[in-house]
PDB file of N, CA and C in Angstrom:
ATOM      1  N   MET A   1      -6.911  -2.641   5.164  1.00  0.00           N
ATOM      2  CA  MET A   1      -8.046  -3.107   4.424  1.00  0.00           C
ATOM      3  C   MET A   1      -9.050  -1.976   4.164  1.00  0.00           C
ATOM      4  N   ARG A   2      -9.106  -1.001   5.067  1.00  0.00           N
ATOM      5  CA  ARG A   2     -10.051   0.090   4.832  1.00  0.00           C
ATOM      6  C   ARG A   2      -9.691   0.860   3.573  1.00  0.00           C
ATOM      7  N   SER A   3      -8.404   1.026   3.314  1.00  0.00           N
ATOM      8  CA  SER A   3      -8.000   1.724   2.087  1.00  0.00           C
ATOM      9  C   SER A   3      -8.438   0.937   0.861  1.00  0.00           C
ATOM     10  N   GLY A   4      -8.294  -0.374   0.922  1.00  0.00           N
ATOM     11  CA  GLY A   4      -8.721  -1.214  -0.191  1.00  0.00           C
ATOM     12  C   GLY A   4     -10.216  -1.138  -0.414  1.00  0.00           C
ATOM     13  N   ARG A   5     -10.981  -1.156   0.673  1.00  0.00           N
ATOM     14  CA  ARG A   5     -12.441  -1.033   0.551  1.00  0.00           C
ATOM     15  C   ARG A   5     -12.823   0.346   0.041  1.00  0.00           C
ATOM     16  N   ALA A   6     -12.096   1.363   0.478  1.00  0.00           N
ATOM     17  CA  ALA A   6     -12.369   2.716  -0.009  1.00  0.00           C
ATOM     18  C   ALA A   6     -12.094   2.804  -1.503  1.00  0.00           C
ATOM     19  N   ASP A   7     -11.042   2.128  -1.952  1.00  0.00           N
ATOM     20  CA  ASP A   7     -10.725   2.110  -3.379  1.00  0.00           C
ATOM     21  C   ASP A   7     -11.851   1.442  -4.164  1.00  0.00           C
ATOM     22  N   LEU A   8     -12.359   0.323  -3.656  1.00  0.00           N
ATOM     23  CA  LEU A   8     -13.472  -0.352  -4.336  1.00  0.00           C
ATOM     24  C   LEU A   8     -14.716   0.539  -4.348  1.00  0.00           C
ATOM     25  N   ALA A   9     -15.003   1.171  -3.222  1.00  0.00           N
ATOM     26  CA  ALA A   9     -16.177   2.047  -3.147  1.00  0.00           C
ATOM     27  C   ALA A   9     -16.043   3.203  -4.118  1.00  0.00           C
ATOM     28  N   TYR A  10     -14.827   3.736  -4.243  1.00  0.00           N
ATOM     29  CA  TYR A  10     -14.586   4.818  -5.196  1.00  0.00           C
ATOM     30  C   TYR A  10     -14.947   4.378  -6.608  1.00  0.00           C
ATOM     31  N   ARG A  11     -14.675   3.134  -6.910  1.00  0.00           N
ATOM     32  CA  ARG A  11     -14.960   2.595  -8.239  1.00  0.00           C
ATOM     33  C   ARG A  11     -16.398   2.079  -8.365  1.00  0.00           C
ATOM     34  N   GLY A  12     -17.228   2.373  -7.333  1.00  0.00           N
ATOM     35  CA  GLY A  12     -18.639   2.000  -7.396  1.00  0.00           C
ATOM     36  C   GLY A  12     -18.908   0.559  -7.002  1.00  0.00           C
ATOM     37  N   ARG A  13     -17.966  -0.076  -6.340  1.00  0.00           N
ATOM     38  CA  ARG A  13     -18.107  -1.468  -5.958  1.00  0.00           C
ATOM     39  C   ARG A  13     -18.256  -1.527  -4.443  1.00  0.00           C
ATOM     40  N   THR A  14     -19.457  -1.397  -3.931  1.00  0.00           N
ATOM     41  CA  THR A  14     -19.657  -1.372  -2.484  1.00  0.00           C
ATOM     42  C   THR A  14     -19.829  -2.758  -1.887  1.00  0.00           C
ATOM     43  N   ASP A  15     -20.191  -3.741  -2.701  1.00  0.00           N
ATOM     44  CA  ASP A  15     -20.377  -5.104  -2.206  1.00  0.00           C
ATOM     45  C   ASP A  15     -19.125  -5.907  -2.488  1.00  0.00           C
ATOM     46  N   LEU A  16     -18.362  -6.190  -1.447  1.00  0.00           N
ATOM     47  CA  LEU A  16     -17.114  -6.930  -1.586  1.00  0.00           C
ATOM     48  C   LEU A  16     -17.399  -8.430  -1.595  1.00  0.00           C
ATOM     49  N   ASP A  17     -16.895  -9.100  -2.595  1.00  0.00           N
ATOM     50  CA  ASP A  17     -17.012 -10.556  -2.689  1.00  0.00           C
ATOM     51  C   ASP A  17     -15.642 -11.149  -2.389  1.00  0.00           C
ATOM     52  N   PRO A  18     -15.456 -11.767  -1.208  1.00  0.00           N
ATOM     53  CA  PRO A  18     -14.144 -12.290  -0.820  1.00  0.00           C
ATOM     54  C   PRO A  18     -13.578 -13.331  -1.787  1.00  0.00           C
ATOM     55  N   SER A  19     -14.441 -14.005  -2.523  1.00  0.00           N
ATOM     56  CA  SER A  19     -13.951 -15.033  -3.445  1.00  0.00           C
ATOM     57  C   SER A  19     -13.741 -14.495  -4.865  1.00  0.00           C
ATOM     58  N   SER A  20     -13.985 -13.210  -5.058  1.00  0.00           N
ATOM     59  CA  SER A  20     -13.858 -12.608  -6.379  1.00  0.00           C
ATOM     60  C   SER A  20     -12.413 -12.197  -6.655  1.00  0.00           C
ATOM     61  N   PHE A  21     -11.857 -12.714  -7.737  1.00  0.00           N
ATOM     62  CA  PHE A  21     -10.502 -12.328  -8.139  1.00  0.00           C
ATOM     63  C   PHE A  21     -10.450 -10.834  -8.430  1.00  0.00           C
ATOM     64  N   ASP A  22     -11.464 -10.307  -9.111  1.00  0.00           N
ATOM     65  CA  ASP A  22     -11.478  -8.885  -9.472  1.00  0.00           C
ATOM     66  C   ASP A  22     -11.455  -7.990  -8.240  1.00  0.00           C
ATOM     67  N   ASP A  23     -12.274  -8.321  -7.233  1.00  0.00           N
ATOM     68  CA  ASP A  23     -12.300  -7.526  -6.007  1.00  0.00           C
ATOM     69  C   ASP A  23     -10.953  -7.579  -5.288  1.00  0.00           C
ATOM     70  N   ALA A  24     -10.401  -8.779  -5.196  1.00  0.00           N
ATOM     71  CA  ALA A  24      -9.105  -8.934  -4.519  1.00  0.00           C
ATOM     72  C   ALA A  24      -8.009  -8.184  -5.270  1.00  0.00           C
ATOM     73  N   ALA A  25      -8.000  -8.281  -6.595  1.00  0.00           N
ATOM     74  CA  ALA A  25      -6.982  -7.600  -7.398  1.00  0.00           C
ATOM     75  C   ALA A  25      -7.116  -6.084  -7.285  1.00  0.00           C
ATOM     76  N   ASP A  26      -8.350  -5.580  -7.328  1.00  0.00           N
ATOM     77  CA  ASP A  26      -8.559  -4.135  -7.198  1.00  0.00           C
ATOM     78  C   ASP A  26      -8.086  -3.633  -5.842  1.00  0.00           C
ATOM     79  N   MET A  27      -8.405  -4.367  -4.778  1.00  0.00           N
ATOM     80  CA  MET A  27      -7.977  -3.962  -3.437  1.00  0.00           C
ATOM     81  C   MET A  27      -6.457  -3.993  -3.327  1.00  0.00           C
ATOM     82  N   LEU A  28      -5.836  -5.051  -3.827  1.00  0.00           N
ATOM     83  CA  LEU A  28      -4.380  -5.171  -3.749  1.00  0.00           C
ATOM     84  C   LEU A  28      -3.690  -4.051  -4.527  1.00  0.00           C
ATOM     85  N   CYS A  29      -4.168  -3.771  -5.715  1.00  0.00           N
ATOM     86  CA  CYS A  29      -3.551  -2.721  -6.532  1.00  0.00           C
ATOM     87  C   CYS A  29      -3.717  -1.343  -5.899  1.00  0.00           C
ATOM     88  N   GLY A  30      -4.890  -1.079  -5.359  1.00  0.00           N
ATOM     89  CA  GLY A  30      -5.114   0.208  -4.685  1.00  0.00           C
ATOM     90  C   GLY A  30      -4.213   0.373  -3.476  1.00  0.00           C
ATOM     91  N   LEU A  31      -4.101  -0.686  -2.667  1.00  0.00           N
ATOM     92  CA  LEU A  31      -3.235  -0.637  -1.489  1.00  0.00           C
ATOM     93  C   LEU A  31      -1.762  -0.502  -1.889  1.00  0.00           C
ATOM     94  N   ALA A  32      -1.351  -1.243  -2.913  1.00  0.00           N
ATOM     95  CA  ALA A  32       0.039  -1.197  -3.350  1.00  0.00           C
ATOM     96  C   ALA A  32       0.410   0.187  -3.873  1.00  0.00           C
ATOM     97  N   THR A  33      -0.503   0.821  -4.578  1.00  0.00           N
ATOM     98  CA  THR A  33      -0.242   2.161  -5.102  1.00  0.00           C
ATOM     99  C   THR A  33      -0.033   3.158  -3.974  1.00  0.00           C
ATOM    100  N   LEU A  34      -0.935   3.144  -2.994  1.00  0.00           N
ATOM    101  CA  LEU A  34      -0.811   4.079  -1.875  1.00  0.00           C
ATOM    102  C   LEU A  34       0.415   3.759  -1.024  1.00  0.00           C
ATOM    103  N   HIS A  35       0.705   2.478  -0.850  1.00  0.00           N
ATOM    104  CA  HIS A  35       1.871   2.057  -0.076  1.00  0.00           C
ATOM    105  C   HIS A  35       3.162   2.519  -0.769  1.00  0.00           C
ATOM    106  N   GLY A  36       3.214   2.337  -2.071  1.00  0.00           N
ATOM    107  CA  GLY A  36       4.382   2.773  -2.832  1.00  0.00           C
ATOM    108  C   GLY A  36       4.572   4.276  -2.769  1.00  0.00           C
ATOM    109  N   LEU A  37       3.473   5.015  -2.854  1.00  0.00           N
ATOM    110  CA  LEU A  37       3.546   6.471  -2.751  1.00  0.00           C
ATOM    111  C   LEU A  37       4.089   6.873  -1.386  1.00  0.00           C
ATOM    112  N   ALA A  38       3.617   6.206  -0.335  1.00  0.00           N
ATOM    113  CA  ALA A  38       4.106   6.517   1.011  1.00  0.00           C
ATOM    114  C   ALA A  38       5.605   6.265   1.119  1.00  0.00           C
ATOM    115  N   HIS A  39       6.083   5.172   0.542  1.00  0.00           N
ATOM    116  CA  HIS A  39       7.520   4.886   0.590  1.00  0.00           C
ATOM    117  C   HIS A  39       8.328   5.936  -0.175  1.00  0.00           C
ATOM    118  N   LEU A  40       7.844   6.339  -1.324  1.00  0.00           N
ATOM    119  CA  LEU A  40       8.551   7.374  -2.080  1.00  0.00           C
ATOM    120  C   LEU A  40       8.669   8.660  -1.280  1.00  0.00           C
ATOM    121  N   VAL A  41       7.601   9.004  -0.571  1.00  0.00           N
ATOM    122  CA  VAL A  41       7.613  10.231   0.232  1.00  0.00           C
ATOM    123  C   VAL A  41       8.554  10.075   1.421  1.00  0.00           C
ATOM    124  N   LEU A  42       8.423   8.965   2.150  1.00  0.00           N
ATOM    125  CA  LEU A  42       9.248   8.771   3.342  1.00  0.00           C
ATOM    126  C   LEU A  42      10.736   8.628   3.015  1.00  0.00           C
ATOM    127  N   ASP A  43      11.035   7.998   1.892  1.00  0.00           N
ATOM    128  CA  ASP A  43      12.435   7.851   1.463  1.00  0.00           C
ATOM    129  C   ASP A  43      12.948   9.108   0.761  1.00  0.00           C
ATOM    130  N   GLU A  44      12.095  10.116   0.715  1.00  0.00           N
ATOM    131  CA  GLU A  44      12.389  11.402   0.089  1.00  0.00           C
ATOM    132  C   GLU A  44      12.784  11.262  -1.377  1.00  0.00           C
ATOM    133  N   LYS A  45      12.207  10.287  -2.043  1.00  0.00           N
ATOM    134  CA  LYS A  45      12.417  10.124  -3.476  1.00  0.00           C
ATOM    135  C   LYS A  45      11.375  10.907  -4.268  1.00  0.00           C
ATOM    136  N   ALA A  46      10.412  11.465  -3.574  1.00  0.00           N
ATOM    137  CA  ALA A  46       9.422  12.315  -4.230  1.00  0.00           C
ATOM    138  C   ALA A  46      10.045  13.637  -4.667  1.00  0.00           C
ATOM    139  N   THR A  47      11.211  13.942  -4.132  1.00  0.00           N
ATOM    140  CA  THR A  47      11.876  15.196  -4.502  1.00  0.00           C
ATOM    141  C   THR A  47      12.266  15.206  -5.971  1.00  0.00           C
ATOM    142  N   HIS A  48      12.393  14.039  -6.569  1.00  0.00           N
ATOM    143  CA  HIS A  48      12.693  13.968  -7.998  1.00  0.00           C
ATOM    144  C   HIS A  48      11.525  14.516  -8.825  1.00  0.00           C
ATOM    145  N   PHE A  49      10.331  14.412  -8.282  1.00  0.00           N
ATOM    146  CA  PHE A  49       9.131  14.850  -8.997  1.00  0.00           C
ATOM    147  C   PHE A  49       8.656  16.221  -8.544  1.00  0.00           C
ATOM    148  N   PHE A  50       8.892  16.556  -7.291  1.00  0.00           N
ATOM    149  CA  PHE A  50       8.445  17.829  -6.712  1.00  0.00           C
ATOM    150  C   PHE A  50       9.661  18.520  -6.110  1.00  0.00           C
ATOM    151  N   GLN A  51      10.281  19.377  -6.876  1.00  0.00           N
ATOM    152  CA  GLN A  51      11.517  20.023  -6.468  1.00  0.00           C
ATOM    153  C   GLN A  51      11.330  20.811  -5.172  1.00  0.00           C
ATOM    154  N   GLY A  52      12.293  20.665  -4.288  1.00  0.00           N
ATOM    155  CA  GLY A  52      12.299  21.436  -3.050  1.00  0.00           C
ATOM    156  C   GLY A  52      11.412  20.893  -1.958  1.00  0.00           C
ATOM    157  N   THR A  53      10.928  19.673  -2.104  1.00  0.00           N
ATOM    158  CA  THR A  53      10.070  19.113  -1.064  1.00  0.00           C
ATOM    159  C   THR A  53      10.802  18.015  -0.306  1.00  0.00           C
ATOM    160  N   ASN A  54      10.349  17.750   0.903  1.00  0.00           N
ATOM    161  CA  ASN A  54      10.840  16.623   1.681  1.00  0.00           C
ATOM    162  C   ASN A  54       9.625  15.935   2.304  1.00  0.00           C
ATOM    163  N   ALA A  55       9.852  14.892   3.075  1.00  0.00           N
ATOM    164  CA  ALA A  55       8.733  14.117   3.616  1.00  0.00           C
ATOM    165  C   ALA A  55       7.792  14.992   4.451  1.00  0.00           C
ATOM    166  N   LYS A  56       8.354  15.907   5.224  1.00  0.00           N
ATOM    167  CA  LYS A  56       7.528  16.738   6.103  1.00  0.00           C
ATOM    168  C   LYS A  56       6.672  17.731   5.313  1.00  0.00           C
ATOM    169  N   ASN A  57       7.292  18.480   4.409  1.00  0.00           N
ATOM    170  CA  ASN A  57       6.499  19.488   3.710  1.00  0.00           C
ATOM    171  C   ASN A  57       5.698  18.905   2.551  1.00  0.00           C
ATOM    172  N   PHE A  58       5.950  17.650   2.173  1.00  0.00           N
ATOM    173  CA  PHE A  58       5.118  17.014   1.155  1.00  0.00           C
ATOM    174  C   PHE A  58       3.674  16.939   1.640  1.00  0.00           C
ATOM    175  N   VAL A  59       3.511  16.625   2.913  1.00  0.00           N
ATOM    176  CA  VAL A  59       2.175  16.586   3.503  1.00  0.00           C
ATOM    177  C   VAL A  59       1.721  17.984   3.902  1.00  0.00           C
ATOM    178  N   LYS A  60       2.614  18.735   4.537  1.00  0.00           N
ATOM    179  CA  LYS A  60       2.273  20.065   5.050  1.00  0.00           C
ATOM    180  C   LYS A  60       1.867  21.029   3.943  1.00  0.00           C
ATOM    181  N   ASP A  61       2.540  20.978   2.811  1.00  0.00           N
ATOM    182  CA  ASP A  61       2.267  21.911   1.720  1.00  0.00           C
ATOM    183  C   ASP A  61       1.206  21.404   0.742  1.00  0.00           C
ATOM    184  N   TYR A  62       0.477  20.397   1.154  1.00  0.00           N
ATOM    185  CA  TYR A  62      -0.675  19.880   0.394  1.00  0.00           C
ATOM    186  C   TYR A  62      -0.324  19.171  -0.905  1.00  0.00           C
ATOM    187  N   TYR A  63       0.925  18.739  -1.068  1.00  0.00           N
ATOM    188  CA  TYR A  63       1.251  17.942  -2.249  1.00  0.00           C
ATOM    189  C   TYR A  63       0.536  16.598  -2.192  1.00  0.00           C
ATOM    190  N   LEU A  64       0.559  15.965  -1.019  1.00  0.00           N
ATOM    191  CA  LEU A  64      -0.030  14.632  -0.887  1.00  0.00           C
ATOM    192  C   LEU A  64      -1.513  14.602  -1.264  1.00  0.00           C
ATOM    193  N   PRO A  65      -2.350  15.473  -0.714  1.00  0.00           N
ATOM    194  CA  PRO A  65      -3.760  15.440  -1.120  1.00  0.00           C
ATOM    195  C   PRO A  65      -3.957  15.679  -2.617  1.00  0.00           C
ATOM    196  N   GLN A  66      -3.134  16.539  -3.203  1.00  0.00           N
ATOM    197  CA  GLN A  66      -3.263  16.813  -4.632  1.00  0.00           C
ATOM    198  C   GLN A  66      -2.880  15.600  -5.464  1.00  0.00           C
ATOM    199  N   VAL A  67      -1.850  14.878  -5.051  1.00  0.00           N
ATOM    200  CA  VAL A  67      -1.437  13.676  -5.773  1.00  0.00           C
ATOM    201  C   VAL A  67      -2.509  12.598  -5.656  1.00  0.00           C
ATOM    202  N   VAL A  68      -3.033  12.395  -4.448  1.00  0.00           N
ATOM    203  CA  VAL A  68      -4.083  11.387  -4.254  1.00  0.00           C
ATOM    204  C   VAL A  68      -5.332  11.760  -5.046  1.00  0.00           C
ATOM    205  N   GLU A  69      -5.678  13.039  -5.079  1.00  0.00           N
ATOM    206  CA  GLU A  69      -6.850  13.459  -5.849  1.00  0.00           C
ATOM    207  C   GLU A  69      -6.631  13.255  -7.353  1.00  0.00           C
ATOM    208  N   ARG A  70      -5.416  13.432  -7.808  1.00  0.00           N
ATOM    209  CA  ARG A  70      -5.124  13.182  -9.226  1.00  0.00           C
ATOM    210  C   ARG A  70      -5.213  11.691  -9.529  1.00  0.00           C
ATOM    211  N   LEU A  71      -4.758  10.876  -8.585  1.00  0.00           N
ATOM    212  CA  LEU A  71      -4.825   9.423  -8.745  1.00  0.00           C
ATOM    213  C   LEU A  71      -6.267   8.940  -8.699  1.00  0.00           C
ATOM    214  N   TYR A  72      -7.035   9.482  -7.770  1.00  0.00           N
ATOM    215  CA  TYR A  72      -8.446   9.121  -7.603  1.00  0.00           C
ATOM    216  C   TYR A  72      -9.291  10.391  -7.711  1.00  0.00           C
ATOM    217  N   PRO A  73      -9.586  10.856  -8.924  1.00  0.00           N
ATOM    218  CA  PRO A  73     -10.365  12.093  -9.073  1.00  0.00           C
ATOM    219  C   PRO A  73     -11.728  11.968  -8.405  1.00  0.00           C
ATOM    220  N   LYS A  74     -12.218  13.097  -7.942  1.00  0.00           N
ATOM    221  CA  LYS A  74     -13.533  13.106  -7.298  1.00  0.00           C
ATOM    222  C   LYS A  74     -14.598  12.737  -8.320  1.00  0.00           C
ATOM    223  N   VAL A  75     -15.493  11.870  -7.902  1.00  0.00           N
ATOM    224  CA  VAL A  75     -16.639  11.524  -8.732  1.00  0.00           C
ATOM    225  C   VAL A  75     -17.881  11.642  -7.870  1.00  0.00           C
ATOM    226  N   ALA A  76     -18.963  11.981  -8.493  1.00  0.00           N
ATOM    227  CA  ALA A  76     -20.220  12.087  -7.764  1.00  0.00           C
ATOM    228  C   ALA A  76     -20.710  10.691  -7.405  1.00  0.00           C
ATOM    229  N   TYR A  77     -21.317  10.557  -6.250  1.00  0.00           N
ATOM    230  CA  TYR A  77     -21.832   9.264  -5.813  1.00  0.00           C
ATOM    231  C   TYR A  77     -22.823   8.705  -6.826  1.00  0.00           C
ATOM    232  N   THR A  78     -23.628   9.568  -7.440  1.00  0.00           N
ATOM    233  CA  THR A  78     -24.605   9.092  -8.413  1.00  0.00           C
ATOM    234  C   THR A  78     -23.913   8.517  -9.652  1.00  0.00           C
ATOM    235  N   ASP A  79     -22.745   9.076 -10.024  1.00  0.00           N
ATOM    236  CA  ASP A  79     -21.985   8.523 -11.144  1.00  0.00           C
ATOM    237  C   ASP A  79     -21.543   7.103 -10.838  1.00  0.00           C
ATOM    238  N   CYS A  80     -21.109   6.866  -9.603  1.00  0.00           N
ATOM    239  CA  CYS A  80     -20.685   5.510  -9.203  1.00  0.00           C
ATOM    240  C   CYS A  80     -21.851   4.552  -9.279  1.00  0.00           C
ATOM    241  N   MET A  81     -23.018   4.992  -8.842  1.00  0.00           N
ATOM    242  CA  MET A  81     -24.181   4.105  -8.811  1.00  0.00           C
ATOM    243  C   MET A  81     -24.650   3.777 -10.229  1.00  0.00           C
ATOM    244  N   GLU A  82     -24.507   4.705 -11.171  1.00  0.00           N
ATOM    245  CA  GLU A  82     -24.901   4.456 -12.539  1.00  0.00           C
ATOM    246  C   GLU A  82     -23.999   3.423 -13.211  1.00  0.00           C
ATOM    247  N   ASN A  83     -22.717   3.405 -12.844  1.00  0.00           N
ATOM    248  CA  ASN A  83     -21.751   2.484 -13.437  1.00  0.00           C
ATOM    249  C   ASN A  83     -21.733   1.127 -12.755  1.00  0.00           C
ATOM    250  N   ARG A  84     -22.636   0.904 -11.854  1.00  0.00           N
ATOM    251  CA  ARG A  84     -22.605  -0.268 -10.994  1.00  0.00           C
ATOM    252  C   ARG A  84     -23.185  -1.518 -11.645  1.00  0.00           C
ATOM    253  N   SER A  85     -23.706  -1.459 -12.814  1.00  0.00           N
ATOM    254  CA  SER A  85     -24.394  -2.590 -13.413  1.00  0.00           C
ATOM    255  C   SER A  85     -23.554  -3.797 -13.627  1.00  0.00           C
TER     256      SER A  85
END
């Protein structure tokens, strides 16, 4: 659940509404994306995209942080607060 909340916070949504379909869908999609990425790495299917890598060096050689950063680019906290309306 922390990953889902982090995904919402990244999108400028710090107040989670448990009855909100949008909040639940955003959390589920964020978790599913990261979960799927983890499976691709662990099953060594990421080698199709990153030649010469395996589960161990995918993390060690900084591929994982770069992929996550591409998926969730860094944004300034003030940018999130401006889009919060």
